[in-house]
């Protein structure tokens, strides 16, 4: 199963997310659930960099993606990052609606400074 963890701050802004595991929906290379989750999450990281000019700290390897939302002194750019991340969550929720047996999303909250 793929587990997606969204970590938010007390204001509900996404500060980081991780994706781990494998869907095992089909054979590797044919697994549309893994492909969909990968496309959405890696696409979000790439979109943040391309569209905001901010570079998320990210680690990607087989069965794992961890990314931290970049912060800027410009509040507009921070809002753009959040919009892209919330779009990612909405797309992932659509995948969960159809393939919930193979992928789940959990959200946690982190206190400031923590």
Protein backbone atom coordinates (compact mmCIF):
# COMPACT_ATOMS: atom_id res chain seq x y z
CA UNK A 1 0.00 0.00 0.00
CA UNK A 2 1.09 3.56 -0.68
CA UNK A 3 0.91 5.84 2.34
CA UNK A 4 0.89 9.58 1.78
CA UNK A 5 1.50 11.75 4.83
CA UNK A 6 0.69 15.45 4.67
CA UNK A 7 2.18 17.52 7.51
CA UNK A 8 0.54 20.88 8.20
CA UNK A 9 1.31 23.70 10.59
CA UNK A 10 -1.22 25.17 13.02
CA UNK A 11 -2.48 27.53 10.29
CA UNK A 12 -3.15 24.42 8.13
CA UNK A 13 -0.41 25.26 5.62
CA UNK A 14 1.36 22.23 4.19
CA UNK A 15 4.95 22.21 5.42
CA UNK A 16 6.02 18.84 4.00
CA UNK A 17 4.74 15.57 2.65
CA UNK A 18 5.98 12.04 2.16
CA UNK A 19 4.93 9.15 -0.03
CA UNK A 20 6.07 5.64 0.81
CA UNK A 21 5.36 2.09 -0.24
CA UNK A 22 4.07 0.44 -3.38
CA UNK A 23 0.45 0.02 -4.45
CA UNK A 24 0.86 -3.56 -5.73
CA UNK A 25 -2.17 -2.93 -7.95
CA UNK A 26 -0.36 -4.54 -10.89
CA UNK A 27 3.10 -5.66 -11.97
CA UNK A 28 5.86 -3.02 -11.86
CA UNK A 29 5.71 -0.95 -15.02
CA UNK A 30 1.97 -1.62 -15.35
CA UNK A 31 0.82 -0.29 -11.98
CA UNK A 32 -1.47 2.65 -12.77
CA UNK A 33 -1.94 3.52 -9.10
CA UNK A 34 1.80 3.90 -8.49
CA UNK A 35 2.15 5.79 -11.75
CA UNK A 36 -0.69 8.15 -10.88
CA UNK A 37 0.57 8.91 -7.39
CA UNK A 38 4.11 9.40 -8.69
CA UNK A 39 2.97 11.70 -11.49
CA UNK A 40 0.91 13.86 -9.13
CA UNK A 41 3.50 14.16 -6.36
CA UNK A 42 6.63 14.54 -8.48
CA UNK A 43 4.68 16.88 -10.75
CA UNK A 44 3.82 19.06 -7.76
CA UNK A 45 7.47 19.29 -6.69
CA UNK A 46 8.50 20.18 -10.26
CA UNK A 47 5.66 22.71 -10.61
CA UNK A 48 6.69 24.50 -7.42
CA UNK A 49 10.21 24.91 -8.74
CA UNK A 50 9.20 25.91 -12.26
CA UNK A 51 6.29 28.21 -11.44
CA UNK A 52 7.50 29.89 -8.25
CA UNK A 53 11.27 29.76 -8.67
CA UNK A 54 11.53 28.23 -5.19
CA UNK A 55 13.29 24.92 -4.79
CA UNK A 56 11.65 22.34 -2.52
CA UNK A 57 14.01 20.11 -0.58
CA UNK A 58 13.14 16.65 -1.86
CA UNK A 59 14.43 13.10 -1.66
CA UNK A 60 13.21 10.57 -4.20
CA UNK A 61 14.06 6.89 -4.52
CA UNK A 62 12.16 3.71 -5.24
CA UNK A 63 9.09 3.61 -3.03
CA UNK A 64 9.82 6.93 -1.29
CA UNK A 65 9.38 10.63 -1.91
CA UNK A 66 9.86 13.22 0.81
CA UNK A 67 9.48 16.92 0.09
CA UNK A 68 9.49 20.08 2.17
CA UNK A 69 7.57 23.17 1.11
CA UNK A 70 10.01 25.98 0.40
CA UNK A 71 9.47 29.30 2.18
CA UNK A 72 10.00 32.75 0.78
CA UNK A 73 10.03 36.25 2.23
CA UNK A 74 7.42 37.00 -0.46
CA UNK A 75 3.94 36.02 0.84
CA UNK A 76 2.58 35.76 -2.72
CA UNK A 77 5.12 33.08 -3.58
CA UNK A 78 4.28 31.23 -0.37
CA UNK A 79 0.58 31.35 -1.35
CA UNK A 80 1.49 29.96 -4.79
CA UNK A 81 3.38 27.07 -3.19
CA UNK A 82 0.37 26.30 -0.99
CA UNK A 83 -2.01 26.42 -3.96
CA UNK A 84 0.13 23.93 -5.86
CA UNK A 85 0.37 21.63 -2.83
CA UNK A 86 -3.38 21.81 -2.16
CA UNK A 87 -3.94 20.94 -5.84
CA UNK A 88 -1.69 17.93 -5.33
CA UNK A 89 -3.76 16.84 -2.31
CA UNK A 90 -7.01 17.23 -4.29
CA UNK A 91 -5.63 15.08 -7.11
CA UNK A 92 -4.42 12.44 -4.64
CA UNK A 93 -7.84 12.39 -2.96
CA UNK A 94 -9.35 11.61 -6.38
CA UNK A 95 -7.02 8.63 -6.71
CA UNK A 96 -7.95 7.45 -3.20
CA UNK A 97 -11.68 7.63 -4.09
CA UNK A 98 -11.19 5.00 -6.78
CA UNK A 99 -8.20 3.04 -5.48
CA UNK A 100 -8.50 3.38 -1.70
CA UNK A 101 -7.53 -0.25 -1.21
CA UNK A 102 -4.06 0.56 -2.58
CA UNK A 103 -3.36 4.11 -1.36
CA UNK A 104 -4.22 6.14 1.74
CA UNK A 105 -3.67 9.71 2.86
CA UNK A 106 -3.11 10.78 6.43
CA UNK A 107 -2.67 14.31 7.71
CA UNK A 108 -0.82 15.39 10.80
CA UNK A 109 -0.31 18.77 12.42
CA UNK A 110 2.96 20.09 13.74
CA UNK A 111 3.32 22.86 16.27
CA UNK A 112 5.42 25.88 15.37
CA UNK A 113 9.12 25.26 15.64
CA UNK A 114 8.57 21.58 15.78
